[in-house]
Amino acid sequence: MSDDAPDTTDSDQPSPRTPRAEVRERLLNSGAEVFAEHGVHEARLDEVAARAGFSKGAVYSNFSSKEDLLAEVMQRATNLVLGALRELVRADIAAVDIGDVVRAAFGRHDQSAQFALLSEFRGYAIRHPEFMPEWVRQRRVLQDGVHELVDLWFGAHPEIDPGMPLEDLSAVLIAANVGTVFDSAALPGKNPGEVVAGLVEAVIRRR
C-alpha cells in the first residue's frame, strides 16, 4: 500500500492506553529522524510509525499526509530553537553576559541534526512549489521570533548601539548560524553557537 493512502485495519491503530499527545510526540520524533536520515522523498511512513512503536495507521490518525507530518516536524524544530532562546534571553541580562546566554541557548540542541532536517525541508520546498508557502511561513516565524528577542534586549539597553537596524541584525544572526552549520565540514572545530555568540559580542558597544 502507498504511503499516501491510510491503512484502516484495526491493528494499525495506536494502543488506547497511549495518550494521543504522546502518540503525536513519538511520531514527530521518529519523523524527524527518518526525514533527516533518508530525505523527504525516500522517507516511508511505515518506518516512521515503526520507530515510534506503532503501525502506519497511527500516522494517518494524527496527520493527513506525509506533507502534513513534514510541516509539523518542521514546526516542532522551529519551536525548539525559539523555545530555548525565549527561556534564556531576557531584558535584564547584562551586556557582559549576553554572549554566554546565546552560547547556552544554542548548546541545548544538536545543530547538525537540525540542519539535516532544514536542508531536507528546503530541498523539498524547491522541488514542490506547493509546499513553499509553508516553508516561507515557518521561516518567518523563526525570523520574527528572533527579531522579537533582539528588540526586547536592545530596547532594555538603550546605551548599547547595535550598529545596524535591529531587523537586519536579526537576519544576520540567523544567516551566520545557518551558514556555519552548512559549511561545518569545511570549518572543522567551528561551533555555530560560538560563532553567533561571538557576533553578538562584537556588535555590542556603548553609544
C-alpha atoms as a PDB file:
ATOM      1  CA  MET A   1       0.000   0.000   0.000  1.00  0.00           C
ATOM      2  CA  SER A   2       1.242   3.504  -0.815  1.00  0.00           C
ATOM      3  CA  ASP A   3       2.360   5.868   1.934  1.00  0.00           C
ATOM      4  CA  ASP A   4      -0.190   8.327   0.553  1.00  0.00           C
ATOM      5  CA  ALA A   5      -3.226   6.210   1.432  1.00  0.00           C
ATOM      6  CA  PRO A   6      -4.254   5.330   5.014  1.00  0.00           C
ATOM      7  CA  ASP A   7      -4.341   1.764   6.242  1.00  0.00           C
ATOM      8  CA  THR A   8      -7.577   1.348   8.167  1.00  0.00           C
ATOM      9  CA  THR A   9      -7.119  -2.074   9.734  1.00  0.00           C
ATOM     10  CA  ASP A  10      -7.725  -2.254  13.473  1.00  0.00           C
ATOM     11  CA  SER A  11      -4.174  -3.456  14.103  1.00  0.00           C
ATOM     12  CA  ASP A  12      -2.841  -0.171  12.750  1.00  0.00           C
ATOM     13  CA  GLN A  13      -4.419   1.895  15.499  1.00  0.00           C
ATOM     14  CA  PRO A  14      -2.282   3.011  18.468  1.00  0.00           C
ATOM     15  CA  SER A  15      -2.988   1.389  21.781  1.00  0.00           C
ATOM     16  CA  PRO A  16      -5.910   3.116  23.548  1.00  0.00           C
ATOM     17  CA  ARG A  17      -3.707   3.171  26.635  1.00  0.00           C
ATOM     18  CA  THR A  18      -1.334   5.591  24.904  1.00  0.00           C
ATOM     19  CA  PRO A  19      -2.441   9.244  25.274  1.00  0.00           C
ATOM     20  CA  ARG A  20      -2.928  10.965  21.928  1.00  0.00           C
ATOM     21  CA  ALA A  21      -0.422  13.698  22.804  1.00  0.00           C
ATOM     22  CA  GLU A  22       2.242  11.051  23.463  1.00  0.00           C
ATOM     23  CA  VAL A  23       1.437   9.290  20.185  1.00  0.00           C
ATOM     24  CA  ARG A  24       1.911  12.548  18.255  1.00  0.00           C
ATOM     25  CA  GLU A  25       5.128  13.382  20.064  1.00  0.00           C
ATOM     26  CA  ARG A  26       6.620   9.957  19.357  1.00  0.00           C
ATOM     27  CA  LEU A  27       5.597  10.180  15.709  1.00  0.00           C
ATOM     28  CA  LEU A  28       7.134  13.658  15.402  1.00  0.00           C
ATOM     29  CA  ASN A  29      10.375  12.411  16.958  1.00  0.00           C
ATOM     30  CA  SER A  30      10.605   9.440  14.634  1.00  0.00           C
ATOM     31  CA  GLY A  31       9.527  11.562  11.658  1.00  0.00           C
ATOM     32  CA  ALA A  32      12.390  13.961  12.303  1.00  0.00           C
ATOM     33  CA  GLU A  33      14.845  11.048  12.427  1.00  0.00           C
ATOM     34  CA  VAL A  34      13.575   9.393   9.239  1.00  0.00           C
ATOM     35  CA  PHE A  35      13.377  12.628   7.236  1.00  0.00           C
ATOM     36  CA  ALA A  36      16.918  13.561   8.296  1.00  0.00           C
ATOM     37  CA  GLU A  37      18.361  10.112   7.543  1.00  0.00           C
ATOM     38  CA  HIS A  38      16.588   9.259   4.285  1.00  0.00           C
ATOM     39  CA  GLY A  39      15.330  12.559   2.906  1.00  0.00           C
ATOM     40  CA  VAL A  40      11.713  13.514   2.462  1.00  0.00           C
ATOM     41  CA  HIS A  41      11.248  11.718  -0.845  1.00  0.00           C
ATOM     42  CA  GLU A  42      12.633   8.380   0.360  1.00  0.00           C
ATOM     43  CA  ALA A  43      11.092   8.555   3.837  1.00  0.00           C
ATOM     44  CA  ARG A  44       8.393   5.925   4.382  1.00  0.00           C
ATOM     45  CA  LEU A  45       5.546   6.428   6.793  1.00  0.00           C
ATOM     46  CA  ASP A  46       5.595   2.777   7.857  1.00  0.00           C
ATOM     47  CA  GLU A  47       9.179   3.286   9.079  1.00  0.00           C
ATOM     48  CA  VAL A  48       8.171   6.492  10.879  1.00  0.00           C
ATOM     49  CA  ALA A  49       5.384   4.586  12.619  1.00  0.00           C
ATOM     50  CA  ALA A  50       7.557   1.559  13.431  1.00  0.00           C
ATOM     51  CA  ARG A  51      10.250   3.684  15.076  1.00  0.00           C
ATOM     52  CA  ALA A  52       7.558   5.293  17.216  1.00  0.00           C
ATOM     53  CA  GLY A  53       6.251   1.869  18.245  1.00  0.00           C
ATOM     54  CA  PHE A  54       3.089   1.925  16.144  1.00  0.00           C
ATOM     55  CA  SER A  55       1.917   0.815  12.704  1.00  0.00           C
ATOM     56  CA  LYS A  56       1.182   3.123   9.803  1.00  0.00           C
ATOM     57  CA  GLY A  57      -2.481   3.684  10.650  1.00  0.00           C
ATOM     58  CA  ALA A  58      -1.335   5.664  13.695  1.00  0.00           C
ATOM     59  CA  VAL A  59       0.310   8.202  11.393  1.00  0.00           C
ATOM     60  CA  TYR A  60      -2.933   8.761   9.486  1.00  0.00           C
ATOM     61  CA  SER A  61      -4.856   9.031  12.749  1.00  0.00           C
ATOM     62  CA  ASN A  62      -2.766  12.097  13.575  1.00  0.00           C
ATOM     63  CA  PHE A  63      -1.587  13.545  10.233  1.00  0.00           C
ATOM     64  CA  SER A  64      -3.450  13.821   6.947  1.00  0.00           C
ATOM     65  CA  SER A  65      -0.427  13.074   4.720  1.00  0.00           C
ATOM     66  CA  LYS A  66       3.352  12.895   4.571  1.00  0.00           C
ATOM     67  CA  GLU A  67       3.373  16.639   3.800  1.00  0.00           C
ATOM     68  CA  ASP A  68       1.270  17.326   6.898  1.00  0.00           C
ATOM     69  CA  LEU A  69       3.710  15.329   9.039  1.00  0.00           C
ATOM     70  CA  LEU A  70       6.611  17.150   7.385  1.00  0.00           C
ATOM     71  CA  ALA A  71       5.103  20.559   8.180  1.00  0.00           C
ATOM     72  CA  GLU A  72       4.532  19.536  11.809  1.00  0.00           C
ATOM     73  CA  VAL A  73       8.081  18.191  12.164  1.00  0.00           C
ATOM     74  CA  MET A  74       9.459  21.438  10.740  1.00  0.00           C
ATOM     75  CA  GLN A  75       7.251  23.496  13.074  1.00  0.00           C
ATOM     76  CA  ARG A  76       8.455  21.456  16.041  1.00  0.00           C
ATOM     77  CA  ALA A  77      12.099  22.076  15.100  1.00  0.00           C
ATOM     78  CA  THR A  78      11.409  25.813  14.881  1.00  0.00           C
ATOM     79  CA  ASN A  79       9.636  25.775  18.236  1.00  0.00           C
ATOM     80  CA  LEU A  80      12.574  24.000  19.891  1.00  0.00           C
ATOM     81  CA  VAL A  81      15.020  26.683  18.740  1.00  0.00           C
ATOM     82  CA  LEU A  82      12.773  29.590  19.689  1.00  0.00           C
ATOM     83  CA  GLY A  83      11.810  27.943  22.968  1.00  0.00           C
ATOM     84  CA  ALA A  84      15.439  27.639  24.049  1.00  0.00           C
ATOM     85  CA  LEU A  85      16.112  31.272  23.150  1.00  0.00           C
ATOM     86  CA  ARG A  86      12.959  32.559  24.855  1.00  0.00           C
ATOM     87  CA  GLU A  87      13.759  30.667  28.040  1.00  0.00           C
ATOM     88  CA  LEU A  88      17.214  32.218  28.347  1.00  0.00           C
ATOM     89  CA  VAL A  89      17.169  35.640  26.639  1.00  0.00           C
ATOM     90  CA  ARG A  90      15.674  38.214  28.985  1.00  0.00           C
ATOM     91  CA  ALA A  91      15.668  42.002  29.003  1.00  0.00           C
ATOM     92  CA  ASP A  92      17.562  42.175  32.317  1.00  0.00           C
ATOM     93  CA  ILE A  93      20.627  40.249  31.116  1.00  0.00           C
ATOM     94  CA  ALA A  94      23.736  42.419  31.333  1.00  0.00           C
ATOM     95  CA  ALA A  95      25.691  43.232  28.188  1.00  0.00           C
ATOM     96  CA  VAL A  96      28.724  41.349  29.508  1.00  0.00           C
ATOM     97  CA  ASP A  97      26.621  38.189  29.874  1.00  0.00           C
ATOM     98  CA  ILE A  98      24.522  38.156  26.688  1.00  0.00           C
ATOM     99  CA  GLY A  99      27.133  36.215  24.673  1.00  0.00           C
ATOM    100  CA  ASP A 100      27.216  33.401  27.231  1.00  0.00           C
ATOM    101  CA  VAL A 101      23.411  33.272  27.234  1.00  0.00           C
ATOM    102  CA  VAL A 102      23.418  32.829  23.453  1.00  0.00           C
ATOM    103  CA  ARG A 103      26.025  30.060  23.772  1.00  0.00           C
ATOM    104  CA  ALA A 104      23.874  28.264  26.319  1.00  0.00           C
ATOM    105  CA  ALA A 105      20.756  28.536  24.158  1.00  0.00           C
ATOM    106  CA  PHE A 106      22.433  27.108  21.068  1.00  0.00           C
ATOM    107  CA  GLY A 107      24.155  24.425  23.111  1.00  0.00           C
ATOM    108  CA  ARG A 108      20.842  22.834  24.045  1.00  0.00           C
ATOM    109  CA  HIS A 109      20.272  21.195  20.666  1.00  0.00           C
ATOM    110  CA  ASP A 110      22.237  19.223  18.097  1.00  0.00           C
ATOM    111  CA  GLN A 111      22.819  21.747  15.324  1.00  0.00           C
ATOM    112  CA  SER A 112      23.930  19.119  12.803  1.00  0.00           C
ATOM    113  CA  ALA A 113      20.734  17.097  13.209  1.00  0.00           C
ATOM    114  CA  GLN A 114      18.593  20.220  12.940  1.00  0.00           C
ATOM    115  CA  PHE A 115      20.431  21.324   9.825  1.00  0.00           C
ATOM    116  CA  ALA A 116      19.927  17.937   8.174  1.00  0.00           C
ATOM    117  CA  LEU A 117      16.209  18.498   8.637  1.00  0.00           C
ATOM    118  CA  LEU A 118      16.400  22.108   7.489  1.00  0.00           C
ATOM    119  CA  SER A 119      18.211  21.067   4.307  1.00  0.00           C
ATOM    120  CA  GLU A 120      15.605  18.431   3.561  1.00  0.00           C
ATOM    121  CA  PHE A 121      12.738  20.854   4.143  1.00  0.00           C
ATOM    122  CA  ARG A 122      14.323  23.484   1.911  1.00  0.00           C
ATOM    123  CA  GLY A 123      15.087  20.998  -0.852  1.00  0.00           C
ATOM    124  CA  TYR A 124      11.570  19.598  -0.726  1.00  0.00           C
ATOM    125  CA  ALA A 125      10.076  23.095  -0.953  1.00  0.00           C
ATOM    126  CA  ILE A 126      12.214  23.886  -4.004  1.00  0.00           C
ATOM    127  CA  ARG A 127      11.109  20.711  -5.773  1.00  0.00           C
ATOM    128  CA  HIS A 128       7.469  21.032  -4.666  1.00  0.00           C
ATOM    129  CA  PRO A 129       6.349  24.679  -5.118  1.00  0.00           C
ATOM    130  CA  GLU A 130       3.029  23.926  -3.435  1.00  0.00           C
ATOM    131  CA  PHE A 131       4.963  23.399  -0.177  1.00  0.00           C
ATOM    132  CA  MET A 132       6.996  26.599  -0.492  1.00  0.00           C
ATOM    133  CA  PRO A 133       4.387  28.848   1.211  1.00  0.00           C
ATOM    134  CA  GLU A 134       4.564  26.619   4.299  1.00  0.00           C
ATOM    135  CA  TRP A 135       8.360  26.784   4.255  1.00  0.00           C
ATOM    136  CA  VAL A 136       8.252  30.574   3.978  1.00  0.00           C
ATOM    137  CA  ARG A 137       5.642  30.860   6.739  1.00  0.00           C
ATOM    138  CA  GLN A 138       7.695  28.803   9.159  1.00  0.00           C
ATOM    139  CA  ARG A 139      10.954  30.608   8.389  1.00  0.00           C
ATOM    140  CA  ARG A 140       9.158  33.893   9.012  1.00  0.00           C
ATOM    141  CA  VAL A 141       8.050  32.524  12.384  1.00  0.00           C
ATOM    142  CA  LEU A 142      11.703  31.930  13.265  1.00  0.00           C
ATOM    143  CA  GLN A 143      12.840  35.281  11.894  1.00  0.00           C
ATOM    144  CA  ASP A 144      10.070  37.157  13.702  1.00  0.00           C
ATOM    145  CA  GLY A 145      10.802  35.288  16.932  1.00  0.00           C
ATOM    146  CA  VAL A 146      14.499  36.157  16.835  1.00  0.00           C
ATOM    147  CA  HIS A 147      13.692  39.767  15.926  1.00  0.00           C
ATOM    148  CA  GLU A 148      11.309  39.941  18.879  1.00  0.00           C
ATOM    149  CA  LEU A 149      14.062  38.849  21.265  1.00  0.00           C
ATOM    150  CA  VAL A 150      16.601  41.231  19.722  1.00  0.00           C
ATOM    151  CA  ASP A 151      14.096  44.083  20.096  1.00  0.00           C
ATOM    152  CA  LEU A 152      13.397  43.046  23.682  1.00  0.00           C
ATOM    153  CA  TRP A 153      17.037  43.071  24.748  1.00  0.00           C
ATOM    154  CA  PHE A 154      18.189  46.190  22.897  1.00  0.00           C
ATOM    155  CA  GLY A 155      15.025  48.013  23.948  1.00  0.00           C
ATOM    156  CA  ALA A 156      16.037  47.462  27.563  1.00  0.00           C
ATOM    157  CA  HIS A 157      19.613  48.619  26.873  1.00  0.00           C
ATOM    158  CA  PRO A 158      19.428  51.987  25.100  1.00  0.00           C
ATOM    159  CA  GLU A 159      23.067  52.603  25.994  1.00  0.00           C
ATOM    160  CA  ILE A 160      24.111  49.857  23.541  1.00  0.00           C
ATOM    161  CA  ASP A 161      24.497  50.677  19.854  1.00  0.00           C
ATOM    162  CA  PRO A 162      23.884  47.625  17.608  1.00  0.00           C
ATOM    163  CA  GLY A 163      25.474  49.388  14.639  1.00  0.00           C
ATOM    164  CA  MET A 164      22.653  48.424  12.252  1.00  0.00           C
ATOM    165  CA  PRO A 165      18.845  48.207  12.156  1.00  0.00           C
ATOM    166  CA  LEU A 166      17.667  45.517  14.560  1.00  0.00           C
ATOM    167  CA  GLU A 167      15.763  43.688  11.828  1.00  0.00           C
ATOM    168  CA  ASP A 168      18.991  43.422   9.834  1.00  0.00           C
ATOM    169  CA  LEU A 169      20.892  42.236  12.899  1.00  0.00           C
ATOM    170  CA  SER A 170      18.304  39.510  13.465  1.00  0.00           C
ATOM    171  CA  ALA A 171      18.661  38.340   9.867  1.00  0.00           C
ATOM    172  CA  VAL A 172      22.470  38.357  10.121  1.00  0.00           C
ATOM    173  CA  LEU A 173      22.409  36.257  13.301  1.00  0.00           C
ATOM    174  CA  ILE A 174      20.204  33.631  11.668  1.00  0.00           C
ATOM    175  CA  ALA A 175      22.306  33.658   8.494  1.00  0.00           C
ATOM    176  CA  ALA A 176      25.531  33.269  10.486  1.00  0.00           C
ATOM    177  CA  ASN A 177      24.144  30.258  12.287  1.00  0.00           C
ATOM    178  CA  VAL A 178      22.774  28.547   9.169  1.00  0.00           C
ATOM    179  CA  GLY A 179      25.891  29.333   7.141  1.00  0.00           C
ATOM    180  CA  THR A 180      28.269  27.985   9.760  1.00  0.00           C
ATOM    181  CA  VAL A 181      26.320  24.731  10.070  1.00  0.00           C
ATOM    182  CA  PHE A 182      26.113  24.438   6.270  1.00  0.00           C
ATOM    183  CA  ASP A 183      29.899  24.788   5.941  1.00  0.00           C
ATOM    184  CA  SER A 184      30.702  22.742   9.044  1.00  0.00           C
ATOM    185  CA  ALA A 185      32.595  20.081   7.071  1.00  0.00           C
ATOM    186  CA  ALA A 186      34.876  22.814   5.697  1.00  0.00           C
ATOM    187  CA  LEU A 187      35.111  24.601   9.042  1.00  0.00           C
ATOM    188  CA  PRO A 188      36.427  21.958  11.445  1.00  0.00           C
ATOM    189  CA  GLY A 189      36.221  22.977  15.048  1.00  0.00           C
ATOM    190  CA  LYS A 190      33.853  25.885  14.433  1.00  0.00           C
ATOM    191  CA  ASN A 191      30.831  25.740  16.717  1.00  0.00           C
ATOM    192  CA  PRO A 192      27.798  27.571  15.267  1.00  0.00           C
ATOM    193  CA  GLY A 193      26.589  28.719  18.663  1.00  0.00           C
ATOM    194  CA  GLU A 194      30.039  30.073  19.463  1.00  0.00           C
ATOM    195  CA  VAL A 195      30.140  31.951  16.145  1.00  0.00           C
ATOM    196  CA  VAL A 196      26.735  33.540  16.751  1.00  0.00           C
ATOM    197  CA  ALA A 197      27.653  34.433  20.335  1.00  0.00           C
ATOM    198  CA  GLY A 198      30.904  35.995  19.148  1.00  0.00           C
ATOM    199  CA  LEU A 199      28.992  38.019  16.583  1.00  0.00           C
ATOM    200  CA  VAL A 200      26.605  39.269  19.274  1.00  0.00           C
ATOM    201  CA  GLU A 201      29.537  40.296  21.454  1.00  0.00           C
ATOM    202  CA  ALA A 202      31.229  42.021  18.522  1.00  0.00           C
ATOM    203  CA  VAL A 203      28.269  44.281  17.720  1.00  0.00           C
ATOM    204  CA  ILE A 204      27.615  45.276  21.325  1.00  0.00           C
ATOM    205  CA  ARG A 205      29.235  48.595  22.089  1.00  0.00           C
ATOM    206  CA  ARG A 206      28.221  51.613  24.075  1.00  0.00           C
ATOM    207  CA  ARG A 207      26.950  54.654  22.260  1.00  0.00           C
END
